[in-house]
C-alpha atoms as a PDB file:
ATOM      1  CA  MET A   1     121.200  98.288 127.990  1.00  0.00           C
ATOM      2  CA  GLU A   2     121.396  95.115 130.314  1.00  0.00           C
ATOM      3  CA  ALA A   3     118.956  97.063 132.373  1.00  0.00           C
ATOM      4  CA  HIS A   4     116.593  97.423 130.320  1.00  0.00           C
ATOM      5  CA  ALA A   5     116.600  94.698 128.412  1.00  0.00           C
ATOM      6  CA  GLU A   6     113.699  93.252 129.166  1.00  0.00           C
ATOM      7  CA  HIS A   7     111.830  96.262 127.046  1.00  0.00           C
ATOM      8  CA  LYS A   8     113.770  95.205 123.953  1.00  0.00           C
ATOM      9  CA  PRO A   9     115.171  98.465 122.638  1.00  0.00           C
ATOM     10  CA  TRP A  10     114.891  98.657 118.936  1.00  0.00           C
ATOM     11  CA  PHE A  11     116.926 101.144 116.790  1.00  0.00           C
ATOM     12  CA  GLY A  12     117.196 102.373 113.095  1.00  0.00           C
ATOM     13  CA  LEU A  13     120.693 104.453 112.559  1.00  0.00           C
ATOM     14  CA  GLU A  14     120.044 106.615 109.269  1.00  0.00           C
ATOM     15  CA  GLN A  15     123.893 107.989 108.213  1.00  0.00           C
ATOM     16  CA  GLU A  16     124.495 110.603 106.070  1.00  0.00           C
ATOM     17  CA  TYR A  17     127.521 111.350 104.928  1.00  0.00           C
ATOM     18  CA  THR A  18     128.865 113.271 101.343  1.00  0.00           C
ATOM     19  CA  LEU A  19     131.142 112.350  98.488  1.00  0.00           C
ATOM     20  CA  LEU A  20     134.269 114.468  98.734  1.00  0.00           C
ATOM     21  CA  ASP A  21     137.485 114.645  96.064  1.00  0.00           C
ATOM     22  CA  LEU A  22     140.446 115.405  96.579  1.00  0.00           C
ATOM     23  CA  SER A  23     140.289 119.004  96.359  1.00  0.00           C
ATOM     24  CA  ASP A  24     137.372 118.294  99.057  1.00  0.00           C
ATOM     25  CA  ARG A  25     134.767 119.507  96.658  1.00  0.00           C
ATOM     26  CA  PRO A  26     131.595 116.973  96.657  1.00  0.00           C
ATOM     27  CA  TYR A  27     132.032 114.879  93.393  1.00  0.00           C
ATOM     28  CA  GLY A  28     130.507 116.309  91.278  1.00  0.00           C
ATOM     29  CA  TRP A  29     130.164 119.945  91.587  1.00  0.00           C
ATOM     30  CA  PRO A  30     131.932 122.332  89.490  1.00  0.00           C
ATOM     31  CA  PRO A  31     135.263 122.779  90.334  1.00  0.00           C
ATOM     32  CA  ASN A  32     134.415 127.401  90.773  1.00  0.00           C
ATOM     33  CA  GLY A  33     130.956 127.696  91.755  1.00  0.00           C
ATOM     34  CA  PHE A  34     128.111 125.430  92.554  1.00  0.00           C
ATOM     35  CA  PRO A  35     125.070 122.945  90.965  1.00  0.00           C
ATOM     36  CA  ALA A  36     121.362 124.137  90.231  1.00  0.00           C
ATOM     37  CA  PRO A  37     119.627 124.285  93.982  1.00  0.00           C
ATOM     38  CA  GLN A  38     118.474 121.025  95.766  1.00  0.00           C
ATOM     39  CA  GLY A  39     115.018 119.452  94.829  1.00  0.00           C
ATOM     40  CA  PRO A  40     116.290 116.936  91.881  1.00  0.00           C
ATOM     41  CA  TYR A  41     118.718 115.153  94.095  1.00  0.00           C
ATOM     42  CA  TYR A  42     117.115 113.562  96.489  1.00  0.00           C
ATOM     43  CA  CYS A  43     116.406 109.526  95.995  1.00  0.00           C
ATOM     44  CA  GLY A  44     117.734 110.725  92.677  1.00  0.00           C
ATOM     45  CA  VAL A  45     118.456 108.491  89.554  1.00  0.00           C
ATOM     46  CA  GLY A  46     120.630 109.773  86.137  1.00  0.00           C
ATOM     47  CA  THR A  47     123.666 111.377  85.291  1.00  0.00           C
ATOM     48  CA  GLY A  48     123.113 114.775  86.766  1.00  0.00           C
ATOM     49  CA  LYS A  49     121.543 113.411  89.698  1.00  0.00           C
ATOM     50  CA  VAL A  50     123.471 111.492  91.280  1.00  0.00           C
ATOM     51  CA  VAL A  51     127.136 111.038  91.303  1.00  0.00           C
ATOM     52  CA  GLN A  52     129.873 107.640  92.520  1.00  0.00           C
ATOM     53  CA  ARG A  53     126.317 105.212  92.731  1.00  0.00           C
ATOM     54  CA  ASP A  54     129.650 102.549  92.732  1.00  0.00           C
ATOM     55  CA  ILE A  55     130.117 103.457  96.026  1.00  0.00           C
ATOM     56  CA  VAL A  56     127.452 103.331  98.012  1.00  0.00           C
ATOM     57  CA  ASP A  57     126.941  99.649  95.992  1.00  0.00           C
ATOM     58  CA  ALA A  58     130.028  98.120  96.692  1.00  0.00           C
ATOM     59  CA  HIS A  59     130.052  99.423 100.435  1.00  0.00           C
ATOM     60  CA  TYR A  60     126.238  98.004 100.237  1.00  0.00           C
ATOM     61  CA  LYS A  61     127.633  95.087  99.236  1.00  0.00           C
ATOM     62  CA  ALA A  62     130.356  94.785 101.461  1.00  0.00           C
ATOM     63  CA  CYS A  63     127.621  95.230 104.874  1.00  0.00           C
ATOM     64  CA  LEU A  64     125.461  92.562 103.376  1.00  0.00           C
ATOM     65  CA  TYR A  65     128.824  89.632 103.370  1.00  0.00           C
ATOM     66  CA  ALA A  66     129.939  90.931 106.722  1.00  0.00           C
ATOM     67  CA  GLY A  67     127.039  90.532 108.513  1.00  0.00           C
ATOM     68  CA  VAL A  68     125.720  93.970 109.127  1.00  0.00           C
ATOM     69  CA  LYS A  69     121.936  95.299 109.558  1.00  0.00           C
ATOM     70  CA  ILE A  70     122.652  97.094 106.551  1.00  0.00           C
ATOM     71  CA  ALA A  71     118.783  98.074 105.610  1.00  0.00           C
ATOM     72  CA  GLY A  72     118.830 100.523 102.640  1.00  0.00           C
ATOM     73  CA  THR A  73     121.223 103.191 100.655  1.00  0.00           C
ATOM     74  CA  ASN A  74     119.506 106.584  99.061  1.00  0.00           C
ATOM     75  CA  ALA A  75     120.973 109.975  97.025  1.00  0.00           C
ATOM     76  CA  GLU A  76     120.201 113.088  99.357  1.00  0.00           C
ATOM     77  CA  VAL A  77     118.765 115.767  99.227  1.00  0.00           C
ATOM     78  CA  MET A  78     121.925 117.975  99.207  1.00  0.00           C
ATOM     79  CA  PRO A  79     124.355 117.076  95.367  1.00  0.00           C
ATOM     80  CA  ALA A  80     127.232 114.168  96.624  1.00  0.00           C
ATOM     81  CA  GLN A  81     125.709 113.170  99.844  1.00  0.00           C
ATOM     82  CA  TRP A  82     124.166 109.711 100.575  1.00  0.00           C
ATOM     83  CA  GLU A  83     122.674 107.921 103.065  1.00  0.00           C
ATOM     84  CA  PHE A  84     123.080 104.055 104.527  1.00  0.00           C
ATOM     85  CA  GLN A  85     119.820 103.149 107.094  1.00  0.00           C
ATOM     86  CA  VAL A  86     121.490  99.790 109.212  1.00  0.00           C
ATOM     87  CA  GLY A  87     118.577  98.442 111.958  1.00  0.00           C
ATOM     88  CA  PRO A  88     116.582  97.111 113.001  1.00  0.00           C
ATOM     89  CA  CYS A  89     119.287  96.661 116.088  1.00  0.00           C
ATOM     90  CA  GLU A  90     118.353  95.480 119.619  1.00  0.00           C
ATOM     91  CA  GLY A  91     120.350  97.106 122.336  1.00  0.00           C
ATOM     92  CA  ILE A  92     124.136  98.052 122.667  1.00  0.00           C
ATOM     93  CA  GLU A  93     124.509  96.014 119.033  1.00  0.00           C
ATOM     94  CA  MET A  94     123.210  99.453 116.751  1.00  0.00           C
ATOM     95  CA  GLY A  95     126.327 101.140 117.774  1.00  0.00           C
ATOM     96  CA  ASP A  96     128.929  97.576 117.156  1.00  0.00           C
ATOM     97  CA  HIS A  97     126.686  97.831 113.368  1.00  0.00           C
ATOM     98  CA  LEU A  98     127.120 101.329 112.800  1.00  0.00           C
ATOM     99  CA  TRP A  99     130.851 101.709 113.945  1.00  0.00           C
ATOM    100  CA  ILE A 100     131.794  98.808 111.703  1.00  0.00           C
ATOM    101  CA  ALA A 101     129.637 100.522 108.383  1.00  0.00           C
ATOM    102  CA  ARG A 102     131.043 103.476 108.786  1.00  0.00           C
ATOM    103  CA  TYR A 103     134.615 101.546 108.912  1.00  0.00           C
ATOM    104  CA  LEU A 104     133.335  99.896 105.668  1.00  0.00           C
ATOM    105  CA  LEU A 105     132.474 102.827 104.248  1.00  0.00           C
ATOM    106  CA  HIS A 106     135.614 104.868 104.215  1.00  0.00           C
ATOM    107  CA  ARG A 107     138.057 102.263 103.220  1.00  0.00           C
ATOM    108  CA  ILE A 108     136.187 101.186 100.274  1.00  0.00           C
ATOM    109  CA  ALA A 109     136.205 105.032  99.642  1.00  0.00           C
ATOM    110  CA  GLU A 110     139.801 105.190  99.502  1.00  0.00           C
ATOM    111  CA  ASP A 111     140.016 102.379  96.593  1.00  0.00           C
ATOM    112  CA  PHE A 112     137.372 104.810  94.482  1.00  0.00           C
ATOM    113  CA  GLY A 113     140.071 107.762  95.101  1.00  0.00           C
ATOM    114  CA  ALA A 114     137.428 109.460  97.424  1.00  0.00           C
ATOM    115  CA  LYS A 115     137.100 111.038 101.013  1.00  0.00           C
ATOM    116  CA  ILE A 116     134.290 110.687 103.410  1.00  0.00           C
ATOM    117  CA  SER A 117     132.539 113.567 105.494  1.00  0.00           C
ATOM    118  CA  VAL A 118     130.410 113.124 108.123  1.00  0.00           C
ATOM    119  CA  HIS A 119     130.976 116.570 108.933  1.00  0.00           C
ATOM    120  CA  PRO A 120     126.932 117.818 109.601  1.00  0.00           C
ATOM    121  CA  LYS A 121     127.349 120.841 107.805  1.00  0.00           C
ATOM    122  CA  PRO A 122     129.493 120.766 104.883  1.00  0.00           C
ATOM    123  CA  ILE A 123     128.344 123.160 102.859  1.00  0.00           C
ATOM    124  CA  PRO A 124     127.655 126.136 104.522  1.00  0.00           C
ATOM    125  CA  GLY A 125     124.411 128.336 102.888  1.00  0.00           C
ATOM    126  CA  ASP A 126     121.735 126.893 101.208  1.00  0.00           C
ATOM    127  CA  TRP A 127     122.148 124.021 101.261  1.00  0.00           C
ATOM    128  CA  ASN A 128     120.513 120.864 103.831  1.00  0.00           C
ATOM    129  CA  GLY A 129     123.107 118.955 106.174  1.00  0.00           C
ATOM    130  CA  ALA A 130     123.980 115.969 107.363  1.00  0.00           C
ATOM    131  CA  GLY A 131     122.106 114.346 110.199  1.00  0.00           C
ATOM    132  CA  LEU A 132     121.861 110.509 111.761  1.00  0.00           C
ATOM    133  CA  HIS A 133     118.288 110.266 112.658  1.00  0.00           C
ATOM    134  CA  THR A 134     117.595 107.722 115.285  1.00  0.00           C
ATOM    135  CA  ASN A 135     114.501 106.012 114.862  1.00  0.00           C
ATOM    136  CA  PHE A 136     112.985 104.088 118.500  1.00  0.00           C
ATOM    137  CA  SER A 137     110.967 101.206 119.629  1.00  0.00           C
ATOM    138  CA  THR A 138     110.476  99.629 122.929  1.00  0.00           C
ATOM    139  CA  LYS A 139     107.823  96.638 122.770  1.00  0.00           C
ATOM    140  CA  GLU A 140     105.403  98.414 124.883  1.00  0.00           C
ATOM    141  CA  MET A 141     105.624 100.775 121.847  1.00  0.00           C
ATOM    142  CA  ARG A 142     105.204  98.060 119.035  1.00  0.00           C
ATOM    143  CA  VAL A 143     101.558  96.778 119.772  1.00  0.00           C
ATOM    144  CA  GLU A 144      98.462  98.356 120.302  1.00  0.00           C
ATOM    145  CA  GLY A 145      98.256 101.293 122.218  1.00  0.00           C
ATOM    146  CA  GLY A 146     101.408 101.797 121.749  1.00  0.00           C
ATOM    147  CA  MET A 147     101.137 105.168 121.627  1.00  0.00           C
ATOM    148  CA  LYS A 148     100.848 105.980 124.830  1.00  0.00           C
ATOM    149  CA  HIS A 149     104.573 105.152 125.091  1.00  0.00           C
ATOM    150  CA  ILE A 150     105.192 107.272 121.958  1.00  0.00           C
ATOM    151  CA  GLU A 151     103.982 110.084 123.824  1.00  0.00           C
ATOM    152  CA  ALA A 152     105.106 109.473 127.152  1.00  0.00           C
ATOM    153  CA  ALA A 153     108.482 108.951 126.131  1.00  0.00           C
ATOM    154  CA  ILE A 154     108.455 111.919 124.137  1.00  0.00           C
ATOM    155  CA  LYS A 155     107.714 113.952 127.204  1.00  0.00           C
ATOM    156  CA  LYS A 156     110.416 112.834 129.119  1.00  0.00           C
ATOM    157  CA  LEU A 157     113.487 113.731 125.834  1.00  0.00           C
ATOM    158  CA  GLU A 158     111.489 116.752 126.424  1.00  0.00           C
ATOM    159  CA  ALA A 159     112.892 117.557 129.479  1.00  0.00           C
ATOM    160  CA  ARG A 160     116.299 116.394 128.686  1.00  0.00           C
ATOM    161  CA  HIS A 161     116.448 117.973 125.570  1.00  0.00           C
ATOM    162  CA  ASN A 162     119.990 120.104 126.349  1.00  0.00           C
ATOM    163  CA  GLU A 163     121.340 116.847 127.793  1.00  0.00           C
ATOM    164  CA  HIS A 164     120.835 114.984 124.766  1.00  0.00           C
ATOM    165  CA  ILE A 165     121.694 118.231 122.608  1.00  0.00           C
ATOM    166  CA  ALA A 166     125.590 117.591 124.035  1.00  0.00           C
ATOM    167  CA  VAL A 167     125.553 114.061 122.543  1.00  0.00           C
ATOM    168  CA  TYR A 168     124.003 114.197 118.996  1.00  0.00           C
ATOM    169  CA  GLY A 169     127.663 115.755 117.118  1.00  0.00           C
ATOM    170  CA  GLU A 170     130.215 118.268 117.306  1.00  0.00           C
ATOM    171  CA  ASP A 171     129.275 121.519 115.082  1.00  0.00           C
ATOM    172  CA  ASN A 172     125.226 120.589 115.195  1.00  0.00           C
ATOM    173  CA  ASP A 173     124.564 124.175 115.550  1.00  0.00           C
ATOM    174  CA  LYS A 174     125.746 124.420 112.039  1.00  0.00           C
ATOM    175  CA  ARG A 175     122.789 122.066 110.392  1.00  0.00           C
ATOM    176  CA  LEU A 176     120.062 122.539 113.420  1.00  0.00           C
ATOM    177  CA  THR A 177     118.546 125.672 112.346  1.00  0.00           C
ATOM    178  CA  GLY A 178     115.246 125.257 112.117  1.00  0.00           C
ATOM    179  CA  ARG A 179     115.560 125.165 108.124  1.00  0.00           C
ATOM    180  CA  HIS A 180     117.120 122.658 105.245  1.00  0.00           C
ATOM    181  CA  GLU A 181     113.856 119.754 107.640  1.00  0.00           C
ATOM    182  CA  THR A 182     115.965 120.733 110.703  1.00  0.00           C
ATOM    183  CA  GLY A 183     114.631 121.883 114.428  1.00  0.00           C
ATOM    184  CA  ALA A 184     116.165 124.638 116.189  1.00  0.00           C
ATOM    185  CA  ILE A 185     118.696 123.458 118.449  1.00  0.00           C
ATOM    186  CA  ASP A 186     117.361 125.869 121.111  1.00  0.00           C
ATOM    187  CA  LYS A 187     114.235 124.656 120.682  1.00  0.00           C
ATOM    188  CA  PHE A 188     112.448 121.111 121.234  1.00  0.00           C
ATOM    189  CA  THR A 189     109.152 120.288 118.840  1.00  0.00           C
ATOM    190  CA  TRP A 190     107.440 117.083 117.456  1.00  0.00           C
ATOM    191  CA  GLY A 191     104.718 116.219 115.681  1.00  0.00           C
ATOM    192  CA  VAL A 192     103.168 114.004 112.748  1.00  0.00           C
ATOM    193  CA  ALA A 193     104.903 113.980 109.118  1.00  0.00           C
ATOM    194  CA  ASP A 194     106.938 116.863 110.334  1.00  0.00           C
ATOM    195  CA  ARG A 195     110.662 116.548 109.517  1.00  0.00           C
ATOM    196  CA  GLY A 196     111.684 120.373 110.541  1.00  0.00           C
ATOM    197  CA  ALA A 197     110.794 118.846 114.384  1.00  0.00           C
ATOM    198  CA  SER A 198     112.787 117.736 116.998  1.00  0.00           C
ATOM    199  CA  ILE A 199     111.067 114.653 116.455  1.00  0.00           C
ATOM    200  CA  ARG A 200     108.653 113.264 113.951  1.00  0.00           C
ATOM    201  CA  ILE A 201     106.013 110.830 114.650  1.00  0.00           C
ATOM    202  CA  PRO A 202     105.717 108.844 110.549  1.00  0.00           C
ATOM    203  CA  ARG A 203     101.781 109.536 109.314  1.00  0.00           C
ATOM    204  CA  GLU A 204     101.922 105.604 109.301  1.00  0.00           C
ATOM    205  CA  VAL A 205     102.438 105.394 113.086  1.00  0.00           C
ATOM    206  CA  SER A 206      99.738 108.184 113.462  1.00  0.00           C
ATOM    207  CA  ALA A 207      97.645 106.139 111.418  1.00  0.00           C
ATOM    208  CA  LYS A 208      97.807 102.938 113.940  1.00  0.00           C
ATOM    209  CA  GLY A 209      98.421 104.247 117.025  1.00  0.00           C
ATOM    210  CA  PHE A 210     101.625 102.247 117.585  1.00  0.00           C
ATOM    211  CA  GLY A 211     105.991 101.525 116.052  1.00  0.00           C
ATOM    212  CA  TYR A 212     107.853 104.011 117.020  1.00  0.00           C
ATOM    213  CA  PHE A 213     109.484 107.852 116.614  1.00  0.00           C
ATOM    214  CA  GLU A 214     112.855 109.094 114.974  1.00  0.00           C
ATOM    215  CA  ASP A 215     114.850 111.712 116.907  1.00  0.00           C
ATOM    216  CA  ARG A 216     116.373 114.003 114.448  1.00  0.00           C
ATOM    217  CA  ARG A 217     118.439 116.103 116.565  1.00  0.00           C
ATOM    218  CA  PRO A 218     121.831 113.702 116.027  1.00  0.00           C
ATOM    219  CA  ALA A 219     124.801 115.213 113.134  1.00  0.00           C
ATOM    220  CA  SER A 220     126.377 112.926 111.117  1.00  0.00           C
ATOM    221  CA  ASN A 221     129.301 112.770 113.347  1.00  0.00           C
ATOM    222  CA  ALA A 222     127.493 111.982 116.276  1.00  0.00           C
ATOM    223  CA  ASP A 223     128.619 108.128 118.222  1.00  0.00           C
ATOM    224  CA  PRO A 224     125.704 105.907 118.326  1.00  0.00           C
ATOM    225  CA  TYR A 225     126.516 104.374 121.190  1.00  0.00           C
ATOM    226  CA  ARG A 226     125.606 107.674 123.429  1.00  0.00           C
ATOM    227  CA  ILE A 227     123.220 108.351 121.018  1.00  0.00           C
ATOM    228  CA  THR A 228     121.312 105.297 121.890  1.00  0.00           C
ATOM    229  CA  GLY A 229     122.341 104.955 125.372  1.00  0.00           C
ATOM    230  CA  ILE A 230     120.578 108.408 126.775  1.00  0.00           C
ATOM    231  CA  ILE A 231     117.819 107.784 125.059  1.00  0.00           C
ATOM    232  CA  VAL A 232     117.144 104.928 126.823  1.00  0.00           C
ATOM    233  CA  GLU A 233     118.614 106.789 129.471  1.00  0.00           C
ATOM    234  CA  THR A 234     116.080 109.496 129.414  1.00  0.00           C
ATOM    235  CA  CYS A 235     113.089 106.760 128.567  1.00  0.00           C
ATOM    236  CA  PHE A 236     113.270 104.547 130.805  1.00  0.00           C
ATOM    237  CA  GLY A 237     114.059 107.115 133.562  1.00  0.00           C
ATOM    238  CA  SER A 238     111.575 109.065 135.726  1.00  0.00           C
ATOM    239  CA  ALA A 239     109.764 112.133 134.156  1.00  0.00           C
ATOM    240  CA  GLU A 240     110.875 115.068 135.756  1.00  0.00           C
END
């Protein structure tokens, strides 16, 4: 990070997690069955759509009080799954802020008698997994003409796909199947507004011609220091 500080690398991480009860079942799920299929839960509101928002709100406030650069929260696609976002953070501080936010989440859930799972595929079958989507930009990407720098970085990321997967979390093969808004673990793809790609360029970024990109490969249990470290290493290294 120090070697490439002049590029001002910014990160924003989206931490997905699942709230479990003491029997390790997702909160709000029937004891001996499954809830209705995915659809109404993402960014949902209302009884029957979301559970344990009190934990989410308490965590958000605790992060703000502690000075964590938390940016938002939302209910996720699978019921009892949530996400919080941390960033933008520059360089090494991304890992610092995310680890503190994770600690606070476990600590607050403890007060409510809930467990936190960051397993990338907590429930097998036709349910979304949990990721740690990583948004990245440099000062060159954030100004007019930045798209060429974004595309150059993506080309470098493609050349080191396997090296990145190796540090992007355990059991990620159970999540990166090419289904449920993921790319396949053994293929590298990218596209504009493509939630099923390895790398997604937001539609707004494509329209403006500058901004950032999202690496959708990291699993929810990945180490943020290793994610941010290898992205900087790859993007500022020579193309293979």
